[in-house]
Amino acid sequence: MHWMDSLAARLVTRRPRFFSEGWGSQALLERLSEGPQGFALPELHEVTLSASRRQWGMRVQEGRFASPAAVGPLPTSCAEARFQLLLPLKEETALPPVCVFLASSGDHGYGQRRFLARRVVSQGLGALLLENPYYGSRRPPEQQGEALRTVADLLLMFRATAVEAVALMGWLLARGHPKVGIAGYSMGGSMAAYAACFFPLPAAVIPMAAAHSAAPVFTQGVLSALPDWETLGRTCGGAEAARQRLAELLERLSIPQVPTLPNPRRAILLAAREDGFVPSASTLRVLQHWRGAELRYLSGGHVSGLLTGRNIITRAILDAFSRIEPLQLPTDG
């Protein structure tokens, strides 16, 4: 484990505990974890976009839409999805390709992803930063930071984020962008990989420091100290039984449980060599499921890989986009 990951492990114990209110609705848990769940390509009929402004060396627009993720009782604060669209300053007749970036754990707002997106935009691509449910302006008022109150909330967040991301990729193509892709780091990488499996059209896929499932992250890695094991164990025979039940639930929604990518060659996975958050075996399970995908490495650990691997990350995104042909679809006017 890299020394920065070891330091992060010490700080984790000071953060609010996940699942402080237990498992949540049993019926909802069963419905959300009953196995691989595909969904029809959701359409976004009304997307509100702000006027374009020049900021951070890019053209920036704020967007919002009613979440199409009708998968359960999402909190009212999550019902409206929000995103930031970043495009190159240079005015072009044709719209550029766009990569959808999903949030990593603790990435409230857009700052962390904008740090990566600016490099991609400087190379002529656009970036769309989705604020996923339960984060930032979509965080329920009772929730402390990113500490989801129940396990059901975690499954709802995963599912809703995937639905919204797939809908946004379809919307971008319909809007006239010739290519789309999806990327994310850590939790964002896992959700990007999961969502990509349900997108029926060509797309670049770049999961970074991604696990095949949230199970090893919450039960084995640095973040295994975050769940409130005592609370979870009260209804299932103790902390160890709770750990096993959580792992079983999350494994049902793992990437190997859903159909593989239509063309894995368009996927480039990035893994950190000294990752203390995501076991290397977990990333390799994604690679094994996506036969034909490429694996590249970031030096250092989970934390340092994001800070020092910007050139490798940018190159991987550009390379993945180069492997898909522009898709010609009628614009929505």
C-alpha atoms as a PDB file:
ATOM      1  CA  MET A   1       0.000   0.000   0.000  1.00  0.00           C
ATOM      2  CA  HIS A   2       1.283   3.459  -0.930  1.00  0.00           C
ATOM      3  CA  TRP A   3       2.113   5.718   2.024  1.00  0.00           C
ATOM      4  CA  MET A   4      -0.572   8.228   1.012  1.00  0.00           C
ATOM      5  CA  ASP A   5      -3.187   5.475   1.134  1.00  0.00           C
ATOM      6  CA  SER A   6      -1.894   4.486   4.586  1.00  0.00           C
ATOM      7  CA  LEU A   7      -2.304   8.081   5.748  1.00  0.00           C
ATOM      8  CA  ALA A   8      -5.814   8.171   4.302  1.00  0.00           C
ATOM      9  CA  ALA A   9      -6.608   4.972   6.222  1.00  0.00           C
ATOM     10  CA  ARG A  10      -5.854   6.761   9.492  1.00  0.00           C
ATOM     11  CA  LEU A  11      -8.091   9.676   8.547  1.00  0.00           C
ATOM     12  CA  VAL A  12     -10.987   7.422   7.540  1.00  0.00           C
ATOM     13  CA  THR A  13     -11.738   6.569  11.168  1.00  0.00           C
ATOM     14  CA  ARG A  14     -12.598  10.232  11.807  1.00  0.00           C
ATOM     15  CA  ARG A  15     -15.253  10.379   9.090  1.00  0.00           C
ATOM     16  CA  PRO A  16     -19.005   9.840   9.709  1.00  0.00           C
ATOM     17  CA  ARG A  17     -20.026   6.193   9.560  1.00  0.00           C
ATOM     18  CA  PHE A  18     -21.915   4.793   6.600  1.00  0.00           C
ATOM     19  CA  PHE A  19     -25.234   2.975   7.174  1.00  0.00           C
ATOM     20  CA  SER A  20     -25.843   4.496  10.612  1.00  0.00           C
ATOM     21  CA  GLU A  21     -29.557   3.731  10.148  1.00  0.00           C
ATOM     22  CA  GLY A  22     -28.997   0.136   9.112  1.00  0.00           C
ATOM     23  CA  TRP A  23     -30.041  -1.767   6.013  1.00  0.00           C
ATOM     24  CA  GLY A  24     -33.113   0.242   5.008  1.00  0.00           C
ATOM     25  CA  SER A  25     -36.260  -1.190   3.453  1.00  0.00           C
ATOM     26  CA  GLN A  26     -35.959  -4.964   3.183  1.00  0.00           C
ATOM     27  CA  ALA A  27     -38.366  -5.073   0.234  1.00  0.00           C
ATOM     28  CA  LEU A  28     -36.340  -2.423  -1.579  1.00  0.00           C
ATOM     29  CA  LEU A  29     -33.079  -4.241  -0.871  1.00  0.00           C
ATOM     30  CA  GLU A  30     -34.466  -7.443  -2.316  1.00  0.00           C
ATOM     31  CA  ARG A  31     -35.743  -5.678  -5.424  1.00  0.00           C
ATOM     32  CA  LEU A  32     -32.498  -3.821  -6.069  1.00  0.00           C
ATOM     33  CA  SER A  33     -30.235  -6.810  -5.439  1.00  0.00           C
ATOM     34  CA  GLU A  34     -32.208  -9.568  -7.132  1.00  0.00           C
ATOM     35  CA  GLY A  35     -29.587  -9.938  -9.856  1.00  0.00           C
ATOM     36  CA  PRO A  36     -28.499  -8.280 -13.082  1.00  0.00           C
ATOM     37  CA  GLN A  37     -30.941  -5.545 -13.976  1.00  0.00           C
ATOM     38  CA  GLY A  38     -30.854  -3.998 -17.390  1.00  0.00           C
ATOM     39  CA  PHE A  39     -32.956  -1.054 -18.429  1.00  0.00           C
ATOM     40  CA  ALA A  40     -34.239   0.392 -21.672  1.00  0.00           C
ATOM     41  CA  LEU A  41     -32.268   3.335 -22.991  1.00  0.00           C
ATOM     42  CA  PRO A  42     -33.835   6.209 -21.006  1.00  0.00           C
ATOM     43  CA  GLU A  43     -34.615   9.369 -22.918  1.00  0.00           C
ATOM     44  CA  LEU A  44     -34.250  12.938 -21.685  1.00  0.00           C
ATOM     45  CA  HIS A  45     -37.015  15.036 -23.203  1.00  0.00           C
ATOM     46  CA  GLU A  46     -36.412  18.261 -21.309  1.00  0.00           C
ATOM     47  CA  VAL A  47     -32.886  19.316 -20.429  1.00  0.00           C
ATOM     48  CA  THR A  48     -32.409  22.873 -19.244  1.00  0.00           C
ATOM     49  CA  LEU A  49     -29.071  24.415 -20.224  1.00  0.00           C
ATOM     50  CA  SER A  50     -27.801  27.764 -19.019  1.00  0.00           C
ATOM     51  CA  ALA A  51     -26.197  30.288 -21.307  1.00  0.00           C
ATOM     52  CA  SER A  52     -22.555  29.543 -22.095  1.00  0.00           C
ATOM     53  CA  ARG A  53     -19.891  31.406 -20.120  1.00  0.00           C
ATOM     54  CA  ARG A  54     -16.115  31.521 -20.390  1.00  0.00           C
ATOM     55  CA  GLN A  55     -14.436  30.154 -17.259  1.00  0.00           C
ATOM     56  CA  TRP A  56     -11.312  28.107 -16.411  1.00  0.00           C
ATOM     57  CA  GLY A  57     -10.224  28.364 -20.032  1.00  0.00           C
ATOM     58  CA  MET A  58     -13.383  26.599 -21.269  1.00  0.00           C
ATOM     59  CA  ARG A  59     -16.973  27.240 -22.298  1.00  0.00           C
ATOM     60  CA  VAL A  60     -19.156  26.248 -19.327  1.00  0.00           C
ATOM     61  CA  GLN A  61     -22.871  25.502 -19.134  1.00  0.00           C
ATOM     62  CA  GLU A  62     -24.984  24.325 -16.224  1.00  0.00           C
ATOM     63  CA  GLY A  63     -27.636  21.713 -16.955  1.00  0.00           C
ATOM     64  CA  ARG A  64     -30.497  20.046 -15.162  1.00  0.00           C
ATOM     65  CA  PHE A  65     -33.214  17.502 -15.895  1.00  0.00           C
ATOM     66  CA  ALA A  66     -35.771  15.365 -14.088  1.00  0.00           C
ATOM     67  CA  SER A  67     -34.048  12.113 -13.187  1.00  0.00           C
ATOM     68  CA  PRO A  68     -35.379   9.197 -15.262  1.00  0.00           C
ATOM     69  CA  ALA A  69     -34.228   6.778 -12.557  1.00  0.00           C
ATOM     70  CA  ALA A  70     -37.586   5.513 -11.352  1.00  0.00           C
ATOM     71  CA  VAL A  71     -36.030   2.690  -9.356  1.00  0.00           C
ATOM     72  CA  GLY A  72     -37.307   3.388  -5.892  1.00  0.00           C
ATOM     73  CA  PRO A  73     -38.097   6.151  -3.423  1.00  0.00           C
ATOM     74  CA  LEU A  74     -35.270   8.549  -4.261  1.00  0.00           C
ATOM     75  CA  PRO A  75     -35.269  11.470  -1.818  1.00  0.00           C
ATOM     76  CA  THR A  76     -36.826  14.699  -3.040  1.00  0.00           C
ATOM     77  CA  SER A  77     -33.390  16.303  -3.074  1.00  0.00           C
ATOM     78  CA  CYS A  78     -32.272  13.741  -5.676  1.00  0.00           C
ATOM     79  CA  ALA A  79     -35.213  14.076  -8.051  1.00  0.00           C
ATOM     80  CA  GLU A  80     -33.598  16.735 -10.226  1.00  0.00           C
ATOM     81  CA  ALA A  81     -30.277  15.771 -11.783  1.00  0.00           C
ATOM     82  CA  ARG A  82     -27.628  18.414 -12.373  1.00  0.00           C
ATOM     83  CA  PHE A  83     -24.508  18.550 -14.465  1.00  0.00           C
ATOM     84  CA  GLN A  84     -21.821  20.857 -15.784  1.00  0.00           C
ATOM     85  CA  LEU A  85     -20.930  20.783 -19.484  1.00  0.00           C
ATOM     86  CA  LEU A  86     -17.393  21.890 -20.377  1.00  0.00           C
ATOM     87  CA  LEU A  87     -16.467  22.533 -24.013  1.00  0.00           C
ATOM     88  CA  PRO A  88     -13.356  23.892 -25.738  1.00  0.00           C
ATOM     89  CA  LEU A  89     -13.228  27.670 -26.145  1.00  0.00           C
ATOM     90  CA  LYS A  90     -12.602  27.458 -29.875  1.00  0.00           C
ATOM     91  CA  GLU A  91     -15.860  27.874 -31.721  1.00  0.00           C
ATOM     92  CA  GLU A  92     -16.528  24.980 -34.083  1.00  0.00           C
ATOM     93  CA  THR A  93     -19.291  24.380 -36.605  1.00  0.00           C
ATOM     94  CA  ALA A  94     -19.611  20.799 -35.392  1.00  0.00           C
ATOM     95  CA  LEU A  95     -19.964  19.866 -31.744  1.00  0.00           C
ATOM     96  CA  PRO A  96     -17.011  17.989 -30.184  1.00  0.00           C
ATOM     97  CA  PRO A  97     -16.993  14.456 -28.719  1.00  0.00           C
ATOM     98  CA  VAL A  98     -17.893  14.454 -25.017  1.00  0.00           C
ATOM     99  CA  CYS A  99     -16.830  12.252 -22.098  1.00  0.00           C
ATOM    100  CA  VAL A 100     -19.212  11.867 -19.140  1.00  0.00           C
ATOM    101  CA  PHE A 101     -17.302  11.920 -15.841  1.00  0.00           C
ATOM    102  CA  LEU A 102     -18.911  10.294 -12.772  1.00  0.00           C
ATOM    103  CA  ALA A 103     -18.063  11.256  -9.200  1.00  0.00           C
ATOM    104  CA  SER A 104     -15.676   9.381  -6.950  1.00  0.00           C
ATOM    105  CA  SER A 105     -16.466   8.927  -3.268  1.00  0.00           C
ATOM    106  CA  GLY A 106     -16.546  12.288  -1.523  1.00  0.00           C
ATOM    107  CA  ASP A 107     -16.518  14.300  -4.767  1.00  0.00           C
ATOM    108  CA  HIS A 108     -19.296  16.756  -3.955  1.00  0.00           C
ATOM    109  CA  GLY A 109     -19.735  19.348  -6.659  1.00  0.00           C
ATOM    110  CA  TYR A 110     -17.463  19.267  -9.691  1.00  0.00           C
ATOM    111  CA  GLY A 111     -14.049  20.460  -8.521  1.00  0.00           C
ATOM    112  CA  GLN A 112     -12.152  17.170  -8.435  1.00  0.00           C
ATOM    113  CA  ARG A 113     -13.360  16.034 -11.843  1.00  0.00           C
ATOM    114  CA  ARG A 114     -12.879  19.452 -13.397  1.00  0.00           C
ATOM    115  CA  PHE A 115      -9.223  19.050 -12.448  1.00  0.00           C
ATOM    116  CA  LEU A 116      -9.052  16.142 -14.926  1.00  0.00           C
ATOM    117  CA  ALA A 117     -11.573  17.467 -17.419  1.00  0.00           C
ATOM    118  CA  ARG A 118      -9.611  20.637 -18.174  1.00  0.00           C
ATOM    119  CA  ARG A 119      -6.798  18.556 -19.655  1.00  0.00           C
ATOM    120  CA  VAL A 120      -9.215  16.613 -21.825  1.00  0.00           C
ATOM    121  CA  VAL A 121     -10.962  19.782 -22.991  1.00  0.00           C
ATOM    122  CA  SER A 122      -7.599  21.304 -23.918  1.00  0.00           C
ATOM    123  CA  GLN A 123      -7.217  18.385 -26.354  1.00  0.00           C
ATOM    124  CA  GLY A 124     -10.486  19.159 -28.146  1.00  0.00           C
ATOM    125  CA  LEU A 125     -12.935  16.923 -26.277  1.00  0.00           C
ATOM    126  CA  GLY A 126     -15.839  18.059 -24.155  1.00  0.00           C
ATOM    127  CA  ALA A 127     -16.596  16.881 -20.626  1.00  0.00           C
ATOM    128  CA  LEU A 128     -19.910  16.446 -18.842  1.00  0.00           C
ATOM    129  CA  LEU A 129     -19.731  16.243 -15.042  1.00  0.00           C
ATOM    130  CA  LEU A 130     -22.822  14.627 -13.518  1.00  0.00           C
ATOM    131  CA  GLU A 131     -23.609  15.348  -9.880  1.00  0.00           C
ATOM    132  CA  ASN A 132     -24.872  11.961  -8.834  1.00  0.00           C
ATOM    133  CA  PRO A 133     -27.759  11.409  -6.393  1.00  0.00           C
ATOM    134  CA  TYR A 134     -26.948  11.803  -2.689  1.00  0.00           C
ATOM    135  CA  TYR A 135     -24.008  14.128  -3.464  1.00  0.00           C
ATOM    136  CA  GLY A 136     -23.497  17.893  -3.415  1.00  0.00           C
ATOM    137  CA  SER A 137     -26.681  19.840  -4.120  1.00  0.00           C
ATOM    138  CA  ARG A 138     -28.543  16.500  -4.383  1.00  0.00           C
ATOM    139  CA  ARG A 139     -27.579  15.355  -0.891  1.00  0.00           C
ATOM    140  CA  PRO A 140     -30.473  14.727   1.526  1.00  0.00           C
ATOM    141  CA  PRO A 141     -30.355  17.259   4.384  1.00  0.00           C
ATOM    142  CA  GLU A 142     -30.147  14.490   7.011  1.00  0.00           C
ATOM    143  CA  GLN A 143     -27.042  12.939   5.417  1.00  0.00           C
ATOM    144  CA  GLN A 144     -23.579  13.792   6.743  1.00  0.00           C
ATOM    145  CA  GLY A 145     -21.191  14.307   3.843  1.00  0.00           C
ATOM    146  CA  GLU A 146     -21.090  11.206   1.662  1.00  0.00           C
ATOM    147  CA  ALA A 147     -22.047   8.877   4.542  1.00  0.00           C
ATOM    148  CA  LEU A 148     -25.178   7.221   3.140  1.00  0.00           C
ATOM    149  CA  ARG A 149     -27.596   6.378   5.938  1.00  0.00           C
ATOM    150  CA  THR A 150     -28.697   2.938   4.746  1.00  0.00           C
ATOM    151  CA  VAL A 151     -27.462   0.172   2.483  1.00  0.00           C
ATOM    152  CA  ALA A 152     -30.621   0.658   0.406  1.00  0.00           C
ATOM    153  CA  ASP A 153     -29.500   4.250  -0.235  1.00  0.00           C
ATOM    154  CA  LEU A 154     -26.185   2.941  -1.577  1.00  0.00           C
ATOM    155  CA  LEU A 155     -27.900   0.598  -4.037  1.00  0.00           C
ATOM    156  CA  LEU A 156     -30.306   3.347  -5.089  1.00  0.00           C
ATOM    157  CA  MET A 157     -27.405   5.716  -5.726  1.00  0.00           C
ATOM    158  CA  PHE A 158     -25.538   3.166  -7.854  1.00  0.00           C
ATOM    159  CA  ARG A 159     -28.608   2.304  -9.900  1.00  0.00           C
ATOM    160  CA  ALA A 160     -29.839   5.884 -10.371  1.00  0.00           C
ATOM    161  CA  THR A 161     -26.401   7.171 -11.357  1.00  0.00           C
ATOM    162  CA  ALA A 162     -26.087   4.471 -14.020  1.00  0.00           C
ATOM    163  CA  VAL A 163     -29.516   5.270 -15.469  1.00  0.00           C
ATOM    164  CA  GLU A 164     -28.791   9.000 -15.557  1.00  0.00           C
ATOM    165  CA  ALA A 165     -25.356   8.497 -17.126  1.00  0.00           C
ATOM    166  CA  VAL A 166     -26.750   6.272 -19.889  1.00  0.00           C
ATOM    167  CA  ALA A 167     -29.512   8.817 -20.533  1.00  0.00           C
ATOM    168  CA  LEU A 168     -26.967  11.623 -20.804  1.00  0.00           C
ATOM    169  CA  MET A 169     -24.834   9.735 -23.323  1.00  0.00           C
ATOM    170  CA  GLY A 170     -27.900   9.217 -25.489  1.00  0.00           C
ATOM    171  CA  TRP A 171     -28.842  12.885 -25.122  1.00  0.00           C
ATOM    172  CA  LEU A 172     -25.360  13.992 -26.178  1.00  0.00           C
ATOM    173  CA  LEU A 173     -25.519  11.903 -29.349  1.00  0.00           C
ATOM    174  CA  ALA A 174     -29.005  13.181 -30.152  1.00  0.00           C
ATOM    175  CA  ARG A 175     -27.744  16.722 -29.616  1.00  0.00           C
ATOM    176  CA  GLY A 176     -25.167  16.229 -32.330  1.00  0.00           C
ATOM    177  CA  HIS A 177     -21.971  15.287 -30.531  1.00  0.00           C
ATOM    178  CA  PRO A 178     -20.302  12.677 -32.800  1.00  0.00           C
ATOM    179  CA  LYS A 179     -18.770  10.504 -30.081  1.00  0.00           C
ATOM    180  CA  VAL A 180     -19.466   9.863 -26.416  1.00  0.00           C
ATOM    181  CA  GLY A 181     -17.625   8.112 -23.639  1.00  0.00           C
ATOM    182  CA  ILE A 182     -17.811   7.563 -19.910  1.00  0.00           C
ATOM    183  CA  ALA A 183     -15.106   7.688 -17.248  1.00  0.00           C
ATOM    184  CA  GLY A 184     -14.633   7.953 -13.519  1.00  0.00           C
ATOM    185  CA  TYR A 185     -12.135   7.375 -10.744  1.00  0.00           C
ATOM    186  CA  SER A 186     -12.649   4.926  -7.865  1.00  0.00           C
ATOM    187  CA  MET A 187     -16.406   4.726  -7.173  1.00  0.00           C
ATOM    188  CA  GLY A 188     -16.963   6.803 -10.297  1.00  0.00           C
ATOM    189  CA  GLY A 189     -14.943   4.295 -12.304  1.00  0.00           C
ATOM    190  CA  SER A 190     -16.974   1.355 -11.041  1.00  0.00           C
ATOM    191  CA  MET A 191     -20.244   3.118 -11.815  1.00  0.00           C
ATOM    192  CA  ALA A 192     -18.964   4.145 -15.253  1.00  0.00           C
ATOM    193  CA  ALA A 193     -18.063   0.519 -16.020  1.00  0.00           C
ATOM    194  CA  TYR A 194     -21.472  -0.681 -14.839  1.00  0.00           C
ATOM    195  CA  ALA A 195     -23.394   1.962 -16.814  1.00  0.00           C
ATOM    196  CA  ALA A 196     -21.394   1.320 -19.989  1.00  0.00           C
ATOM    197  CA  CYS A 197     -22.601  -2.290 -20.079  1.00  0.00           C
ATOM    198  CA  PHE A 198     -26.168  -1.031 -20.637  1.00  0.00           C
ATOM    199  CA  PHE A 199     -25.402   1.570 -23.310  1.00  0.00           C
ATOM    200  CA  PRO A 200     -26.274  -0.013 -26.684  1.00  0.00           C
ATOM    201  CA  LEU A 201     -24.344   2.415 -28.910  1.00  0.00           C
ATOM    202  CA  PRO A 202     -20.577   2.773 -29.440  1.00  0.00           C
ATOM    203  CA  ALA A 203     -18.867   4.556 -26.556  1.00  0.00           C
ATOM    204  CA  ALA A 204     -15.400   4.956 -25.092  1.00  0.00           C
ATOM    205  CA  VAL A 205     -15.115   3.500 -21.565  1.00  0.00           C
ATOM    206  CA  ILE A 206     -12.336   4.535 -19.172  1.00  0.00           C
ATOM    207  CA  PRO A 207     -12.776   3.173 -15.606  1.00  0.00           C
ATOM    208  CA  MET A 208      -9.911   4.321 -13.347  1.00  0.00           C
ATOM    209  CA  ALA A 209      -8.972   2.621 -10.057  1.00  0.00           C
ATOM    210  CA  ALA A 210     -12.282   0.792 -10.344  1.00  0.00           C
ATOM    211  CA  ALA A 211     -13.458  -2.269  -8.442  1.00  0.00           C
ATOM    212  CA  HIS A 212     -15.587  -4.998 -10.024  1.00  0.00           C
ATOM    213  CA  SER A 213     -17.978  -4.514  -7.109  1.00  0.00           C
ATOM    214  CA  ALA A 214     -18.351  -2.316  -4.046  1.00  0.00           C
ATOM    215  CA  ALA A 215     -18.062  -5.473  -1.914  1.00  0.00           C
ATOM    216  CA  PRO A 216     -14.249  -5.600  -1.511  1.00  0.00           C
ATOM    217  CA  VAL A 217     -14.111  -1.813  -1.078  1.00  0.00           C
ATOM    218  CA  PHE A 218     -16.460  -1.829   1.913  1.00  0.00           C
ATOM    219  CA  THR A 219     -15.366  -5.155   3.413  1.00  0.00           C
ATOM    220  CA  GLN A 220     -11.611  -5.453   2.692  1.00  0.00           C
ATOM    221  CA  GLY A 221      -9.941  -2.157   1.704  1.00  0.00           C
ATOM    222  CA  VAL A 222      -9.233   1.064   3.574  1.00  0.00           C
ATOM    223  CA  LEU A 223     -12.920   1.999   3.498  1.00  0.00           C
ATOM    224  CA  SER A 224     -13.930  -1.180   5.357  1.00  0.00           C
ATOM    225  CA  ALA A 225     -13.624   0.943   8.512  1.00  0.00           C
ATOM    226  CA  LEU A 226     -16.473   3.197   7.386  1.00  0.00           C
ATOM    227  CA  PRO A 227     -19.621   1.017   7.677  1.00  0.00           C
ATOM    228  CA  ASP A 228     -21.361   1.046  11.052  1.00  0.00           C
ATOM    229  CA  TRP A 229     -20.902  -2.684  11.560  1.00  0.00           C
ATOM    230  CA  GLU A 230     -22.450  -2.628  15.024  1.00  0.00           C
ATOM    231  CA  THR A 231     -25.721  -1.168  13.725  1.00  0.00           C
ATOM    232  CA  LEU A 232     -25.802  -3.475  10.704  1.00  0.00           C
ATOM    233  CA  GLY A 233     -25.091  -6.478  12.907  1.00  0.00           C
ATOM    234  CA  ARG A 234     -28.038  -5.940  15.229  1.00  0.00           C
ATOM    235  CA  THR A 235     -30.465  -7.564  12.811  1.00  0.00           C
ATOM    236  CA  CYS A 236     -28.311 -10.303  11.307  1.00  0.00           C
ATOM    237  CA  GLY A 237     -26.266 -11.908  14.078  1.00  0.00           C
ATOM    238  CA  GLY A 238     -23.353  -9.570  14.691  1.00  0.00           C
ATOM    239  CA  ALA A 239     -20.733  -7.539  12.872  1.00  0.00           C
ATOM    240  CA  GLU A 240     -19.098 -10.446  11.042  1.00  0.00           C
ATOM    241  CA  ALA A 241     -22.450 -11.695   9.772  1.00  0.00           C
ATOM    242  CA  ALA A 242     -23.238  -8.155   8.633  1.00  0.00           C
ATOM    243  CA  ARG A 243     -19.959  -7.986   6.731  1.00  0.00           C
ATOM    244  CA  GLN A 244     -20.786 -11.224   4.931  1.00  0.00           C
ATOM    245  CA  ARG A 245     -24.347 -10.157   4.121  1.00  0.00           C
ATOM    246  CA  LEU A 246     -23.189  -6.793   2.754  1.00  0.00           C
ATOM    247  CA  ALA A 247     -20.603  -8.508   0.554  1.00  0.00           C
ATOM    248  CA  GLU A 248     -23.236 -10.896  -0.803  1.00  0.00           C
ATOM    249  CA  LEU A 249     -25.656  -8.060  -1.585  1.00  0.00           C
ATOM    250  CA  LEU A 250     -23.056  -5.975  -3.386  1.00  0.00           C
ATOM    251  CA  GLU A 251     -21.653  -8.908  -5.343  1.00  0.00           C
ATOM    252  CA  ARG A 252     -25.072  -9.461  -6.901  1.00  0.00           C
ATOM    253  CA  LEU A 253     -24.677  -6.061  -8.567  1.00  0.00           C
ATOM    254  CA  SER A 254     -21.076  -6.573  -9.636  1.00  0.00           C
ATOM    255  CA  ILE A 255     -19.849  -5.919 -13.169  1.00  0.00           C
ATOM    256  CA  PRO A 256     -19.196  -9.638 -13.917  1.00  0.00           C
ATOM    257  CA  GLN A 257     -22.904 -10.255 -13.219  1.00  0.00           C
ATOM    258  CA  VAL A 258     -24.075  -8.029 -16.089  1.00  0.00           C
ATOM    259  CA  PRO A 259     -23.542  -8.490 -19.844  1.00  0.00           C
ATOM    260  CA  THR A 260     -20.080  -7.606 -21.077  1.00  0.00           C
ATOM    261  CA  LEU A 261     -19.424  -4.565 -23.255  1.00  0.00           C
ATOM    262  CA  PRO A 262     -20.544  -4.879 -26.901  1.00  0.00           C
ATOM    263  CA  ASN A 263     -16.971  -4.072 -27.964  1.00  0.00           C
ATOM    264  CA  PRO A 264     -14.466  -4.279 -25.075  1.00  0.00           C
ATOM    265  CA  ARG A 265     -11.688  -2.927 -27.307  1.00  0.00           C
ATOM    266  CA  ARG A 266     -13.143   0.540 -26.712  1.00  0.00           C
ATOM    267  CA  ALA A 267     -12.406   0.192 -22.985  1.00  0.00           C
ATOM    268  CA  ILE A 268      -9.146   1.151 -21.286  1.00  0.00           C
ATOM    269  CA  LEU A 269      -8.898   0.374 -17.578  1.00  0.00           C
ATOM    270  CA  LEU A 270      -6.417   2.120 -15.303  1.00  0.00           C
ATOM    271  CA  ALA A 271      -5.195   0.573 -12.040  1.00  0.00           C
ATOM    272  CA  ALA A 272      -2.879   1.949  -9.358  1.00  0.00           C
ATOM    273  CA  ARG A 273       0.039  -0.351  -8.552  1.00  0.00           C
ATOM    274  CA  GLU A 274      -0.056   0.258  -4.771  1.00  0.00           C
ATOM    275  CA  ASP A 275      -3.788   0.737  -4.275  1.00  0.00           C
ATOM    276  CA  GLY A 276      -4.946   0.392  -0.671  1.00  0.00           C
ATOM    277  CA  PHE A 277      -8.600   1.108  -1.462  1.00  0.00           C
ATOM    278  CA  VAL A 278      -9.300  -1.222  -4.393  1.00  0.00           C
ATOM    279  CA  PRO A 279      -7.667  -4.688  -4.369  1.00  0.00           C
ATOM    280  CA  SER A 280      -5.804  -5.329  -7.628  1.00  0.00           C
ATOM    281  CA  ALA A 281      -7.642  -8.637  -8.022  1.00  0.00           C
ATOM    282  CA  SER A 282     -10.912  -6.716  -8.164  1.00  0.00           C
ATOM    283  CA  THR A 283      -9.828  -4.620 -11.156  1.00  0.00           C
ATOM    284  CA  LEU A 284      -8.519  -7.755 -12.856  1.00  0.00           C
ATOM    285  CA  ARG A 285     -11.962  -9.328 -12.583  1.00  0.00           C
ATOM    286  CA  VAL A 286     -13.335  -6.510 -14.730  1.00  0.00           C
ATOM    287  CA  LEU A 287     -10.555  -7.085 -17.256  1.00  0.00           C
ATOM    288  CA  GLN A 288     -11.283 -10.819 -17.355  1.00  0.00           C
ATOM    289  CA  HIS A 289     -14.985 -10.155 -17.927  1.00  0.00           C
ATOM    290  CA  TRP A 290     -14.227  -7.630 -20.665  1.00  0.00           C
ATOM    291  CA  ARG A 291     -12.026  -9.813 -22.838  1.00  0.00           C
ATOM    292  CA  GLY A 292     -10.308  -7.532 -25.340  1.00  0.00           C
ATOM    293  CA  ALA A 293     -10.163  -4.480 -23.057  1.00  0.00           C
ATOM    294  CA  GLU A 294      -6.801  -2.894 -22.252  1.00  0.00           C
ATOM    295  CA  LEU A 295      -5.250  -2.411 -18.812  1.00  0.00           C
ATOM    296  CA  ARG A 296      -2.768   0.363 -18.044  1.00  0.00           C
ATOM    297  CA  TYR A 297      -1.139   1.239 -14.735  1.00  0.00           C
ATOM    298  CA  LEU A 298      -0.773   4.374 -12.643  1.00  0.00           C
ATOM    299  CA  SER A 299       2.277   4.598 -10.412  1.00  0.00           C
ATOM    300  CA  GLY A 300       1.683   4.934  -6.680  1.00  0.00           C
ATOM    301  CA  GLY A 301      -1.538   4.289  -4.839  1.00  0.00           C
ATOM    302  CA  HIS A 302      -5.210   5.187  -4.949  1.00  0.00           C
ATOM    303  CA  VAL A 303      -4.748   8.757  -3.738  1.00  0.00           C
ATOM    304  CA  SER A 304      -1.445   9.586  -5.437  1.00  0.00           C
ATOM    305  CA  GLY A 305      -2.466   7.936  -8.725  1.00  0.00           C
ATOM    306  CA  LEU A 306      -5.088  10.604  -9.307  1.00  0.00           C
ATOM    307  CA  LEU A 307      -2.657  13.403  -8.445  1.00  0.00           C
ATOM    308  CA  THR A 308       0.387  12.268 -10.425  1.00  0.00           C
ATOM    309  CA  GLY A 309      -1.189  10.254 -13.227  1.00  0.00           C
ATOM    310  CA  ARG A 310      -2.889  13.074 -15.115  1.00  0.00           C
ATOM    311  CA  ASN A 311      -0.901  12.550 -18.307  1.00  0.00           C
ATOM    312  CA  ILE A 312      -1.608   8.805 -18.315  1.00  0.00           C
ATOM    313  CA  ILE A 313      -5.302   9.417 -17.626  1.00  0.00           C
ATOM    314  CA  THR A 314      -5.609  12.016 -20.390  1.00  0.00           C
ATOM    315  CA  ARG A 315      -3.833   9.740 -22.866  1.00  0.00           C
ATOM    316  CA  ALA A 316      -6.101   6.817 -22.001  1.00  0.00           C
ATOM    317  CA  ILE A 317      -9.246   8.891 -22.570  1.00  0.00           C
ATOM    318  CA  LEU A 318      -7.999  10.198 -25.912  1.00  0.00           C
ATOM    319  CA  ASP A 319      -6.939   6.719 -27.021  1.00  0.00           C
ATOM    320  CA  ALA A 320     -10.295   5.187 -26.074  1.00  0.00           C
ATOM    321  CA  PHE A 321     -12.129   7.864 -28.072  1.00  0.00           C
ATOM    322  CA  SER A 322      -9.896   7.204 -31.061  1.00  0.00           C
ATOM    323  CA  ARG A 323     -11.187   3.635 -31.177  1.00  0.00           C
ATOM    324  CA  ILE A 324     -14.779   4.543 -31.997  1.00  0.00           C
ATOM    325  CA  GLU A 325     -16.204   5.922 -35.212  1.00  0.00           C
ATOM    326  CA  PRO A 326     -18.355   9.082 -35.174  1.00  0.00           C
ATOM    327  CA  LEU A 327     -22.040   8.206 -34.979  1.00  0.00           C
ATOM    328  CA  GLN A 328     -24.301  10.141 -37.322  1.00  0.00           C
ATOM    329  CA  LEU A 329     -27.702  10.708 -35.723  1.00  0.00           C
ATOM    330  CA  PRO A 330     -30.363  13.337 -36.445  1.00  0.00           C
ATOM    331  CA  THR A 331     -30.066  16.231 -34.006  1.00  0.00           C
ATOM    332  CA  ASP A 332     -32.971  17.158 -31.786  1.00  0.00           C
ATOM    333  CA  GLY A 333     -33.063  20.642 -33.232  1.00  0.00           C
END
